[in-house]
Amino acid sequence: MKLRVYLDVADVVTRQRVTALLRADRDVALVGVAEDADLVLSERVLPTTATASATLPGSALSARELEVLRLVARGLGNKEIAAELGITTHTVKYHLAAVLEKLGVRSRTEAVSLGVRKGLVPL
């Protein structure tokens, strides 16, 4: 079974290069509609620390906060996340609280939902 990929890349040169790479793999099929895809490759600009406050409400997620959000999206609880990352459950709670605040949400579910919509959490 082929992996169906949709490219959402505005830059023509980048889109052509990525398309060529994907077409070289016979286990990948490019599709024309995102809804038909198993994977959507989308370009996005991640703000740097210096520009985070100017581009996002709150600040950008740190690399560790992003890891925590993605593990929450996989359905892991705080103890499991702590074990996976080699940190304490208290530290997981700290990171998760920061994620909720930075995303402007009140629950893990809302955080994951918003993370998926913003492309922070892959499907």
C-alpha atoms as a PDB file:
ATOM      1  CA  MET A   1       0.000   0.000   0.000  1.00  0.00           C
ATOM      2  CA  LYS A   2       1.350   3.414  -0.945  1.00  0.00           C
ATOM      3  CA  LEU A   3       1.591   6.368   1.392  1.00  0.00           C
ATOM      4  CA  ARG A   4      -0.617   9.117  -0.053  1.00  0.00           C
ATOM      5  CA  VAL A   5       0.998  12.546   0.333  1.00  0.00           C
ATOM      6  CA  TYR A   6      -0.403  16.011  -0.294  1.00  0.00           C
ATOM      7  CA  LEU A   7       2.018  18.919  -0.718  1.00  0.00           C
ATOM      8  CA  ASP A   8       0.995  22.339   0.560  1.00  0.00           C
ATOM      9  CA  VAL A   9       4.075  24.334  -0.417  1.00  0.00           C
ATOM     10  CA  ALA A  10       3.763  27.793  -1.959  1.00  0.00           C
ATOM     11  CA  ASP A  11       7.351  28.183  -3.168  1.00  0.00           C
ATOM     12  CA  VAL A  12       7.523  26.699  -6.669  1.00  0.00           C
ATOM     13  CA  VAL A  13      11.175  25.640  -6.491  1.00  0.00           C
ATOM     14  CA  THR A  14      10.742  23.960  -3.111  1.00  0.00           C
ATOM     15  CA  ARG A  15       7.551  22.227  -4.267  1.00  0.00           C
ATOM     16  CA  GLN A  16       9.310  20.903  -7.392  1.00  0.00           C
ATOM     17  CA  ARG A  17      12.281  19.604  -5.385  1.00  0.00           C
ATOM     18  CA  VAL A  18      10.113  17.881  -2.787  1.00  0.00           C
ATOM     19  CA  THR A  19       7.854  16.468  -5.512  1.00  0.00           C
ATOM     20  CA  ALA A  20      10.876  14.993  -7.303  1.00  0.00           C
ATOM     21  CA  LEU A  21      12.124  13.396  -4.092  1.00  0.00           C
ATOM     22  CA  LEU A  22       8.741  11.902  -3.294  1.00  0.00           C
ATOM     23  CA  ARG A  23       8.188  10.592  -6.827  1.00  0.00           C
ATOM     24  CA  ALA A  24      11.524   8.773  -6.612  1.00  0.00           C
ATOM     25  CA  ASP A  25      10.031   6.593  -3.862  1.00  0.00           C
ATOM     26  CA  ARG A  26       7.661   4.031  -5.363  1.00  0.00           C
ATOM     27  CA  ASP A  27       5.917   3.588  -2.011  1.00  0.00           C
ATOM     28  CA  VAL A  28       4.670   7.193  -2.154  1.00  0.00           C
ATOM     29  CA  ALA A  29       1.783   8.541  -4.223  1.00  0.00           C
ATOM     30  CA  LEU A  30       1.109  12.264  -4.507  1.00  0.00           C
ATOM     31  CA  VAL A  31      -2.545  13.265  -4.251  1.00  0.00           C
ATOM     32  CA  GLY A  32      -4.239  16.485  -5.301  1.00  0.00           C
ATOM     33  CA  VAL A  33      -6.571  16.921  -2.323  1.00  0.00           C
ATOM     34  CA  ALA A  34      -5.502  17.056   1.323  1.00  0.00           C
ATOM     35  CA  GLU A  35      -8.550  15.056   2.426  1.00  0.00           C
ATOM     36  CA  ASP A  36      -7.334  12.084   0.335  1.00  0.00           C
ATOM     37  CA  ALA A  37      -3.867  12.104   1.903  1.00  0.00           C
ATOM     38  CA  ASP A  38      -2.366  10.000   4.675  1.00  0.00           C
ATOM     39  CA  LEU A  39       0.209  12.758   5.188  1.00  0.00           C
ATOM     40  CA  VAL A  40       0.051  16.483   4.469  1.00  0.00           C
ATOM     41  CA  LEU A  41       3.407  18.170   3.976  1.00  0.00           C
ATOM     42  CA  SER A  42       2.894  21.834   4.637  1.00  0.00           C
ATOM     43  CA  GLU A  43       5.390  24.624   4.818  1.00  0.00           C
ATOM     44  CA  ARG A  44       5.121  26.811   7.851  1.00  0.00           C
ATOM     45  CA  VAL A  45       7.262  29.399   9.457  1.00  0.00           C
ATOM     46  CA  LEU A  46       8.157  28.721  13.068  1.00  0.00           C
ATOM     47  CA  PRO A  47       8.919  31.918  14.892  1.00  0.00           C
ATOM     48  CA  THR A  48      12.305  32.309  16.504  1.00  0.00           C
ATOM     49  CA  THR A  49      12.545  33.328  20.137  1.00  0.00           C
ATOM     50  CA  ALA A  50      13.157  36.929  19.116  1.00  0.00           C
ATOM     51  CA  THR A  51      10.038  37.136  16.936  1.00  0.00           C
ATOM     52  CA  ALA A  52       7.725  34.822  18.858  1.00  0.00           C
ATOM     53  CA  SER A  53       5.918  37.495  20.813  1.00  0.00           C
ATOM     54  CA  ALA A  54       5.300  39.510  17.664  1.00  0.00           C
ATOM     55  CA  THR A  55       3.817  36.632  15.651  1.00  0.00           C
ATOM     56  CA  LEU A  56       1.848  34.501  18.108  1.00  0.00           C
ATOM     57  CA  PRO A  57      -0.435  35.218  21.002  1.00  0.00           C
ATOM     58  CA  GLY A  58       1.802  34.449  23.957  1.00  0.00           C
ATOM     59  CA  SER A  59       5.141  32.991  22.973  1.00  0.00           C
ATOM     60  CA  ALA A  60       6.158  30.120  20.744  1.00  0.00           C
ATOM     61  CA  LEU A  61       6.333  26.661  22.250  1.00  0.00           C
ATOM     62  CA  SER A  62       9.791  25.529  23.267  1.00  0.00           C
ATOM     63  CA  ALA A  63      11.128  22.310  21.771  1.00  0.00           C
ATOM     64  CA  ARG A  64      10.375  20.434  25.022  1.00  0.00           C
ATOM     65  CA  GLU A  65       6.846  21.861  25.223  1.00  0.00           C
ATOM     66  CA  LEU A  66       6.254  20.742  21.653  1.00  0.00           C
ATOM     67  CA  GLU A  67       7.484  17.238  22.555  1.00  0.00           C
ATOM     68  CA  VAL A  68       5.084  17.150  25.518  1.00  0.00           C
ATOM     69  CA  LEU A  69       2.173  18.320  23.339  1.00  0.00           C
ATOM     70  CA  ARG A  70       2.891  15.623  20.750  1.00  0.00           C
ATOM     71  CA  LEU A  71       3.054  12.917  23.432  1.00  0.00           C
ATOM     72  CA  VAL A  72      -0.247  14.146  24.874  1.00  0.00           C
ATOM     73  CA  ALA A  73      -1.663  13.846  21.347  1.00  0.00           C
ATOM     74  CA  ARG A  74      -0.516  10.204  21.295  1.00  0.00           C
ATOM     75  CA  GLY A  75      -2.670   9.643  24.377  1.00  0.00           C
ATOM     76  CA  LEU A  76       0.092   9.369  26.959  1.00  0.00           C
ATOM     77  CA  GLY A  77      -0.541  10.392  30.556  1.00  0.00           C
ATOM     78  CA  ASN A  78       1.849  12.484  32.630  1.00  0.00           C
ATOM     79  CA  LYS A  79       3.688   9.461  34.086  1.00  0.00           C
ATOM     80  CA  GLU A  80       4.159   7.945  30.635  1.00  0.00           C
ATOM     81  CA  ILE A  81       5.374  11.253  29.200  1.00  0.00           C
ATOM     82  CA  ALA A  82       7.822  11.609  32.108  1.00  0.00           C
ATOM     83  CA  ALA A  83       9.194   8.113  31.458  1.00  0.00           C
ATOM     84  CA  GLU A  84       9.449   8.734  27.707  1.00  0.00           C
ATOM     85  CA  LEU A  85      11.356  12.004  28.153  1.00  0.00           C
ATOM     86  CA  GLY A  86      13.354  11.029  31.237  1.00  0.00           C
ATOM     87  CA  ILE A  87      11.929  13.849  33.356  1.00  0.00           C
ATOM     88  CA  THR A  88       9.743  14.006  36.472  1.00  0.00           C
ATOM     89  CA  THR A  89       5.954  14.155  36.397  1.00  0.00           C
ATOM     90  CA  HIS A  90       6.223  17.564  38.069  1.00  0.00           C
ATOM     91  CA  THR A  91       8.265  18.806  35.109  1.00  0.00           C
ATOM     92  CA  VAL A  92       5.686  17.357  32.701  1.00  0.00           C
ATOM     93  CA  LYS A  93       2.957  19.280  34.547  1.00  0.00           C
ATOM     94  CA  TYR A  94       5.060  22.439  34.332  1.00  0.00           C
ATOM     95  CA  HIS A  95       5.563  22.045  30.575  1.00  0.00           C
ATOM     96  CA  LEU A  96       1.918  21.173  30.012  1.00  0.00           C
ATOM     97  CA  ALA A  97       0.775  24.254  31.947  1.00  0.00           C
ATOM     98  CA  ALA A  98       3.052  26.380  29.754  1.00  0.00           C
ATOM     99  CA  VAL A  99       1.623  24.745  26.611  1.00  0.00           C
ATOM    100  CA  LEU A 100      -1.950  25.470  27.710  1.00  0.00           C
ATOM    101  CA  GLU A 101      -1.101  29.081  28.540  1.00  0.00           C
ATOM    102  CA  LYS A 102       0.835  29.744  25.342  1.00  0.00           C
ATOM    103  CA  LEU A 103      -1.904  28.223  23.170  1.00  0.00           C
ATOM    104  CA  GLY A 104      -4.621  30.019  25.117  1.00  0.00           C
ATOM    105  CA  VAL A 105      -6.596  26.857  25.909  1.00  0.00           C
ATOM    106  CA  ARG A 106      -7.869  25.244  29.112  1.00  0.00           C
ATOM    107  CA  SER A 107      -7.519  21.504  28.529  1.00  0.00           C
ATOM    108  CA  ARG A 108      -5.265  18.855  27.051  1.00  0.00           C
ATOM    109  CA  THR A 109      -7.934  18.092  24.458  1.00  0.00           C
ATOM    110  CA  GLU A 110      -8.171  21.712  23.356  1.00  0.00           C
ATOM    111  CA  ALA A 111      -4.373  21.916  23.166  1.00  0.00           C
ATOM    112  CA  VAL A 112      -4.137  18.863  20.934  1.00  0.00           C
ATOM    113  CA  SER A 113      -6.996  20.047  18.734  1.00  0.00           C
ATOM    114  CA  LEU A 114      -5.412  23.464  18.254  1.00  0.00           C
ATOM    115  CA  GLY A 115      -2.005  21.864  17.778  1.00  0.00           C
ATOM    116  CA  VAL A 116      -3.363  19.720  14.951  1.00  0.00           C
ATOM    117  CA  ARG A 117      -5.069  22.701  13.292  1.00  0.00           C
ATOM    118  CA  LYS A 118      -1.880  24.802  13.510  1.00  0.00           C
ATOM    119  CA  GLY A 119       0.327  21.985  12.214  1.00  0.00           C
ATOM    120  CA  LEU A 120       2.220  21.556  15.482  1.00  0.00           C
ATOM    121  CA  VAL A 121       0.952  18.005  15.946  1.00  0.00           C
ATOM    122  CA  PRO A 122       1.197  15.613  12.999  1.00  0.00           C
ATOM    123  CA  LEU A 123      -1.748  13.319  12.330  1.00  0.00           C
END
